[in-house]
Amino acid sequence: NADDAFTLWRRRFHHFTFYGFMLCFAATV
C-alpha cells in the first residue's frame, strides 16, 4: 500500500464494506 511492506488490511476493509453492504441489502429484502 504505502511502501513495499505487505498488509492484509485492504482485503479486510473490503470485506467489511462488501458484507456490510450485502447485510443492509438483505435487511431491505
All heavy atoms as atom14 arrays in JSON, in Angstrom:
{
  "sequence": "NADDAFTLWRRRFHHFTFYGFMLCFAATV",
  "atom14_mask": [
    [1, 1, 1, 1, 1, 1, 1, 1, 0, 0, 0, 0, 0, 0],
    [1, 1, 1, 1, 1, 0, 0, 0, 0, 0, 0, 0, 0, 0],
    [1, 1, 1, 1, 1, 1, 1, 1, 0, 0, 0, 0, 0, 0],
    [1, 1, 1, 1, 1, 1, 1, 1, 0, 0, 0, 0, 0, 0],
    [1, 1, 1, 1, 1, 0, 0, 0, 0, 0, 0, 0, 0, 0],
    [1, 1, 1, 1, 1, 1, 1, 1, 1, 1, 1, 0, 0, 0],
    [1, 1, 1, 1, 1, 1, 1, 0, 0, 0, 0, 0, 0, 0],
    [1, 1, 1, 1, 1, 1, 1, 1, 0, 0, 0, 0, 0, 0],
    [1, 1, 1, 1, 1, 1, 1, 1, 1, 1, 1, 1, 1, 1],
    [1, 1, 1, 1, 1, 1, 1, 1, 1, 1, 1, 0, 0, 0],
    [1, 1, 1, 1, 1, 1, 1, 1, 1, 1, 1, 0, 0, 0],
    [1, 1, 1, 1, 1, 1, 1, 1, 1, 1, 1, 0, 0, 0],
    [1, 1, 1, 1, 1, 1, 1, 1, 1, 1, 1, 0, 0, 0],
    [1, 1, 1, 1, 1, 1, 1, 1, 1, 1, 0, 0, 0, 0],
    [1, 1, 1, 1, 1, 1, 1, 1, 1, 1, 0, 0, 0, 0],
    [1, 1, 1, 1, 1, 1, 1, 1, 1, 1, 1, 0, 0, 0],
    [1, 1, 1, 1, 1, 1, 1, 0, 0, 0, 0, 0, 0, 0],
    [1, 1, 1, 1, 1, 1, 1, 1, 1, 1, 1, 0, 0, 0],
    [1, 1, 1, 1, 1, 1, 1, 1, 1, 1, 1, 1, 0, 0],
    [1, 1, 1, 1, 0, 0, 0, 0, 0, 0, 0, 0, 0, 0],
    [1, 1, 1, 1, 1, 1, 1, 1, 1, 1, 1, 0, 0, 0],
    [1, 1, 1, 1, 1, 1, 1, 1, 0, 0, 0, 0, 0, 0],
    [1, 1, 1, 1, 1, 1, 1, 1, 0, 0, 0, 0, 0, 0],
    [1, 1, 1, 1, 1, 1, 0, 0, 0, 0, 0, 0, 0, 0],
    [1, 1, 1, 1, 1, 1, 1, 1, 1, 1, 1, 0, 0, 0],
    [1, 1, 1, 1, 1, 0, 0, 0, 0, 0, 0, 0, 0, 0],
    [1, 1, 1, 1, 1, 0, 0, 0, 0, 0, 0, 0, 0, 0],
    [1, 1, 1, 1, 1, 1, 1, 0, 0, 0, 0, 0, 0, 0],
    [1, 1, 1, 1, 1, 1, 1, 0, 0, 0, 0, 0, 0, 0]
  ],
  "atom14_positions": [
    [[0.83, -1.2, 0.0], [0.0, 0.0, 0.0], [0.86, 1.26, 0.0], [1.06, 1.87, -1.04], [-0.95, 0.01, 1.2], [-2.02, 1.06, 1.08], [-2.88, 0.99, 0.21], [-1.99, 2.09, 1.94], [0.0, 0.0, 0.0], [0.0, 0.0, 0.0], [0.0, 0.0, 0.0], [0.0, 0.0, 0.0], [0.0, 0.0, 0.0], [0.0, 0.0, 0.0]],
    [[1.39, 1.63, 1.14], [2.2, 2.84, 1.21], [3.63, 2.61, 0.77], [4.31, 3.54, 0.33], [2.17, 3.41, 2.64], [0.0, 0.0, 0.0], [0.0, 0.0, 0.0], [0.0, 0.0, 0.0], [0.0, 0.0, 0.0], [0.0, 0.0, 0.0], [0.0, 0.0, 0.0], [0.0, 0.0, 0.0], [0.0, 0.0, 0.0], [0.0, 0.0, 0.0]],
    [[4.12, 1.37, 0.91], [5.5, 1.06, 0.57], [5.57, -0.42, 0.21], [4.56, -1.02, -0.15], [6.44, 1.41, 1.74], [5.92, 0.87, 3.07], [5.32, -0.23, 3.08], [6.1, 1.54, 4.1], [0.0, 0.0, 0.0], [0.0, 0.0, 0.0], [0.0, 0.0, 0.0], [0.0, 0.0, 0.0], [0.0, 0.0, 0.0], [0.0, 0.0, 0.0]],
    [[6.77, -1.01, 0.33], [6.91, -2.42, -0.06], [6.56, -3.39, 1.07], [6.76, -4.59, 0.94], [8.32, -2.69, -0.57], [9.4, -2.37, 0.45], [9.05, -1.89, 1.55], [10.59, -2.59, 0.15], [0.0, 0.0, 0.0], [0.0, 0.0, 0.0], [0.0, 0.0, 0.0], [0.0, 0.0, 0.0], [0.0, 0.0, 0.0], [0.0, 0.0, 0.0]],
    [[6.02, -2.89, 2.19], [5.55, -3.76, 3.27], [4.2, -4.35, 2.9], [3.37, -3.7, 2.27], [5.45, -2.98, 4.58], [0.0, 0.0, 0.0], [0.0, 0.0, 0.0], [0.0, 0.0, 0.0], [0.0, 0.0, 0.0], [0.0, 0.0, 0.0], [0.0, 0.0, 0.0], [0.0, 0.0, 0.0], [0.0, 0.0, 0.0], [0.0, 0.0, 0.0]],
    [[3.98, -5.6, 3.29], [2.72, -6.28, 2.98], [1.69, -6.01, 4.07], [2.02, -5.89, 5.25], [2.94, -7.79, 2.85], [3.93, -8.17, 1.8], [5.1, -8.85, 2.13], [3.72, -7.85, 0.47], [6.01, -9.21, 1.16], [4.62, -8.19, -0.5], [5.78, -8.88, -0.16], [0.0, 0.0, 0.0], [0.0, 0.0, 0.0], [0.0, 0.0, 0.0]],
    [[0.45, -5.92, 3.67], [-0.64, -5.72, 4.62], [-1.91, -6.39, 4.1], [-2.2, -6.35, 2.9], [-0.91, -4.23, 4.88], [-2.05, -4.1, 5.74], [-1.18, -3.47, 3.59], [0.0, 0.0, 0.0], [0.0, 0.0, 0.0], [0.0, 0.0, 0.0], [0.0, 0.0, 0.0], [0.0, 0.0, 0.0], [0.0, 0.0, 0.0], [0.0, 0.0, 0.0]],
    [[-2.66, -7.0, 5.02], [-3.94, -7.62, 4.68], [-5.12, -6.69, 4.97], [-6.28, -7.08, 4.77], [-4.12, -8.92, 5.48], [-3.29, -10.12, 4.98], [-3.33, -11.24, 6.02], [-3.8, -10.62, 3.64], [0.0, 0.0, 0.0], [0.0, 0.0, 0.0], [0.0, 0.0, 0.0], [0.0, 0.0, 0.0], [0.0, 0.0, 0.0], [0.0, 0.0, 0.0]],
    [[-4.85, -5.46, 5.41], [-5.94, -4.58, 5.8], [-6.8, -4.15, 4.62], [-7.99, -3.89, 4.79], [-5.4, -3.37, 6.56], [-5.13, -3.7, 7.99], [-3.93, -3.79, 8.61], [-6.11, -4.02, 8.98], [-4.09, -4.14, 9.93], [-5.42, -4.29, 10.19], [-7.51, -4.11, 8.99], [-6.08, -4.63, 11.36], [-8.16, -4.45, 10.15], [-7.46, -4.71, 11.33]],
    [[-6.22, -4.09, 3.44], [-7.04, -3.71, 2.29], [-8.11, -4.77, 2.03], [-9.26, -4.44, 1.74], [-6.15, -3.52, 1.05], [-6.92, -3.0, -0.15], [-6.02, -2.24, -1.1], [-6.67, -2.04, -2.37], [-6.36, -2.66, -3.49], [-5.36, -3.52, -3.5], [-7.0, -2.44, -4.6], [0.0, 0.0, 0.0], [0.0, 0.0, 0.0], [0.0, 0.0, 0.0]],
    [[-7.73, -6.03, 2.13], [-8.71, -7.1, 1.95], [-9.74, -7.08, 3.09], [-10.94, -7.25, 2.86], [-8.03, -8.46, 1.87], [-9.02, -9.59, 1.65], [-8.39, -10.85, 1.11], [-7.67, -11.6, 2.1], [-7.2, -12.84, 1.9], [-7.36, -13.43, 0.72], [-6.55, -13.48, 2.83], [0.0, 0.0, 0.0], [0.0, 0.0, 0.0], [0.0, 0.0, 0.0]],
    [[-9.27, -6.88, 4.32], [-10.19, -6.88, 5.46], [-11.21, -5.75, 5.36], [-12.41, -5.94, 5.59], [-9.39, -6.76, 6.75], [-8.56, -8.0, 7.07], [-7.53, -7.71, 8.14], [-6.7, -8.87, 8.43], [-5.51, -8.81, 9.03], [-5.02, -7.62, 9.4], [-4.81, -9.91, 9.25], [0.0, 0.0, 0.0], [0.0, 0.0, 0.0], [0.0, 0.0, 0.0]],
    [[-10.74, -4.54, 4.99], [-11.66, -3.42, 4.88], [-12.62, -3.61, 3.7], [-13.78, -3.18, 3.76], [-10.89, -2.11, 4.73], [-10.24, -1.65, 6.0], [-8.94, -1.16, 6.0], [-10.91, -1.7, 7.21], [-8.33, -0.73, 7.17], [-10.31, -1.29, 8.39], [-9.02, -0.8, 8.38], [0.0, 0.0, 0.0], [0.0, 0.0, 0.0], [0.0, 0.0, 0.0]],
    [[-12.17, -4.25, 2.63], [-13.07, -4.59, 1.53], [-14.15, -5.58, 2.01], [-15.31, -5.47, 1.62], [-12.28, -5.21, 0.36], [-11.85, -4.2, -0.66], [-10.66, -3.52, -0.58], [-12.46, -3.77, -1.8], [-10.54, -2.71, -1.61], [-11.62, -2.83, -2.37], [0.0, 0.0, 0.0], [0.0, 0.0, 0.0], [0.0, 0.0, 0.0], [0.0, 0.0, 0.0]],
    [[-13.75, -6.53, 2.84], [-14.72, -7.49, 3.37], [-15.75, -6.79, 4.26], [-16.95, -7.08, 4.17], [-14.0, -8.58, 4.16], [-13.48, -9.69, 3.3], [-12.33, -10.4, 3.62], [-13.91, -10.21, 2.14], [-12.11, -11.3, 2.69], [-13.05, -11.21, 1.78], [0.0, 0.0, 0.0], [0.0, 0.0, 0.0], [0.0, 0.0, 0.0], [0.0, 0.0, 0.0]],
    [[-15.29, -5.9, 5.13], [-16.23, -5.14, 5.96], [-17.23, -4.38, 5.06], [-18.43, -4.37, 5.33], [-15.47, -4.14, 6.84], [-15.01, -4.69, 8.15], [-13.65, -4.84, 8.41], [-15.92, -5.03, 9.15], [-13.21, -5.35, 9.63], [-15.49, -5.53, 10.37], [-14.13, -5.69, 10.6], [0.0, 0.0, 0.0], [0.0, 0.0, 0.0], [0.0, 0.0, 0.0]],
    [[-16.7, -3.76, 4.01], [-17.55, -2.95, 3.14], [-18.53, -3.81, 2.35], [-19.74, -3.54, 2.33], [-16.67, -2.15, 2.16], [-15.77, -1.32, 2.9], [-17.53, -1.27, 1.26], [0.0, 0.0, 0.0], [0.0, 0.0, 0.0], [0.0, 0.0, 0.0], [0.0, 0.0, 0.0], [0.0, 0.0, 0.0], [0.0, 0.0, 0.0], [0.0, 0.0, 0.0]],
    [[-18.02, -4.86, 1.71], [-18.88, -5.68, 0.86], [-19.95, -6.4, 1.67], [-21.14, -6.35, 1.34], [-18.04, -6.7, 0.09], [-18.85, -7.67, -0.71], [-19.48, -7.28, -1.89], [-19.02, -8.98, -0.29], [-20.25, -8.17, -2.62], [-19.78, -9.88, -1.01], [-20.39, -9.47, -2.19], [0.0, 0.0, 0.0], [0.0, 0.0, 0.0], [0.0, 0.0, 0.0]],
    [[-19.54, -7.08, 2.73], [-20.52, -7.85, 3.5], [-21.43, -6.93, 4.31], [-22.58, -7.28, 4.57], [-19.81, -8.87, 4.37], [-19.24, -10.0, 3.55], [-17.87, -10.13, 3.35], [-20.08, -10.91, 2.92], [-17.35, -11.14, 2.56], [-19.57, -11.93, 2.13], [-18.21, -12.04, 1.95], [-17.71, -13.03, 1.15], [0.0, 0.0, 0.0], [0.0, 0.0, 0.0]],
    [[-20.93, -5.75, 4.7], [-21.82, -4.77, 5.32], [-22.9, -4.32, 4.36], [-24.08, -4.22, 4.71], [0.0, 0.0, 0.0], [0.0, 0.0, 0.0], [0.0, 0.0, 0.0], [0.0, 0.0, 0.0], [0.0, 0.0, 0.0], [0.0, 0.0, 0.0], [0.0, 0.0, 0.0], [0.0, 0.0, 0.0], [0.0, 0.0, 0.0], [0.0, 0.0, 0.0]],
    [[-22.51, -4.04, 3.1], [-23.47, -3.65, 2.08], [-24.48, -4.76, 1.84], [-25.69, -4.51, 1.73], [-22.73, -3.3, 0.8], [-23.62, -2.84, -0.33], [-23.96, -1.5, -0.45], [-24.12, -3.73, -1.26], [-24.78, -1.06, -1.47], [-24.94, -3.31, -2.29], [-25.28, -1.97, -2.4], [0.0, 0.0, 0.0], [0.0, 0.0, 0.0], [0.0, 0.0, 0.0]],
    [[-24.01, -6.0, 1.74], [-24.91, -7.12, 1.47], [-25.88, -7.36, 2.63], [-27.04, -7.73, 2.42], [-24.1, -8.38, 1.19], [-23.29, -8.32, -0.1], [-24.27, -7.89, -1.55], [-25.39, -9.3, -1.65], [0.0, 0.0, 0.0], [0.0, 0.0, 0.0], [0.0, 0.0, 0.0], [0.0, 0.0, 0.0], [0.0, 0.0, 0.0], [0.0, 0.0, 0.0]],
    [[-25.42, -7.16, 3.87], [-26.31, -7.31, 5.02], [-27.39, -6.23, 5.02], [-28.55, -6.5, 5.34], [-25.52, -7.27, 6.32], [-24.7, -8.53, 6.65], [-23.83, -8.29, 7.88], [-25.63, -9.73, 6.89], [0.0, 0.0, 0.0], [0.0, 0.0, 0.0], [0.0, 0.0, 0.0], [0.0, 0.0, 0.0], [0.0, 0.0, 0.0], [0.0, 0.0, 0.0]],
    [[-27.01, -5.0, 4.65], [-28.0, -3.93, 4.55], [-29.01, -4.24, 3.44], [-30.21, -3.99, 3.59], [-27.32, -2.59, 4.31], [-26.39, -1.97, 5.72], [0.0, 0.0, 0.0], [0.0, 0.0, 0.0], [0.0, 0.0, 0.0], [0.0, 0.0, 0.0], [0.0, 0.0, 0.0], [0.0, 0.0, 0.0], [0.0, 0.0, 0.0], [0.0, 0.0, 0.0]],
    [[-28.51, -4.76, 2.33], [-29.42, -5.15, 1.24], [-30.34, -6.28, 1.7], [-31.54, -6.28, 1.39], [-28.6, -5.58, 0.03], [-29.42, -5.95, -1.17], [-30.04, -4.98, -1.93], [-29.59, -7.28, -1.53], [-30.81, -5.31, -3.04], [-30.35, -7.64, -2.63], [-30.97, -6.64, -3.38], [0.0, 0.0, 0.0], [0.0, 0.0, 0.0], [0.0, 0.0, 0.0]],
    [[-29.79, -7.24, 2.45], [-30.6, -8.34, 2.97], [-31.67, -7.81, 3.92], [-32.8, -8.32, 3.94], [-29.71, -9.36, 3.68], [0.0, 0.0, 0.0], [0.0, 0.0, 0.0], [0.0, 0.0, 0.0], [0.0, 0.0, 0.0], [0.0, 0.0, 0.0], [0.0, 0.0, 0.0], [0.0, 0.0, 0.0], [0.0, 0.0, 0.0], [0.0, 0.0, 0.0]],
    [[-31.33, -6.8, 4.72], [-32.32, -6.21, 5.63], [-33.48, -5.63, 4.85], [-34.66, -5.78, 5.24], [-31.65, -5.12, 6.48], [0.0, 0.0, 0.0], [0.0, 0.0, 0.0], [0.0, 0.0, 0.0], [0.0, 0.0, 0.0], [0.0, 0.0, 0.0], [0.0, 0.0, 0.0], [0.0, 0.0, 0.0], [0.0, 0.0, 0.0], [0.0, 0.0, 0.0]],
    [[-33.18, -4.97, 3.71], [-34.24, -4.41, 2.88], [-35.11, -5.51, 2.28], [-36.34, -5.39, 2.23], [-33.62, -3.55, 1.76], [-32.79, -2.54, 2.33], [-34.7, -2.9, 0.91], [0.0, 0.0, 0.0], [0.0, 0.0, 0.0], [0.0, 0.0, 0.0], [0.0, 0.0, 0.0], [0.0, 0.0, 0.0], [0.0, 0.0, 0.0], [0.0, 0.0, 0.0]],
    [[-34.47, -6.58, 1.82], [-35.22, -7.69, 1.22], [-36.13, -8.35, 2.26], [-37.31, -8.63, 2.0], [-34.25, -8.73, 0.62], [-35.0, -9.98, 0.17], [-33.49, -8.12, -0.57], [0.0, 0.0, 0.0], [0.0, 0.0, 0.0], [0.0, 0.0, 0.0], [0.0, 0.0, 0.0], [0.0, 0.0, 0.0], [0.0, 0.0, 0.0], [0.0, 0.0, 0.0]]
  ]
}
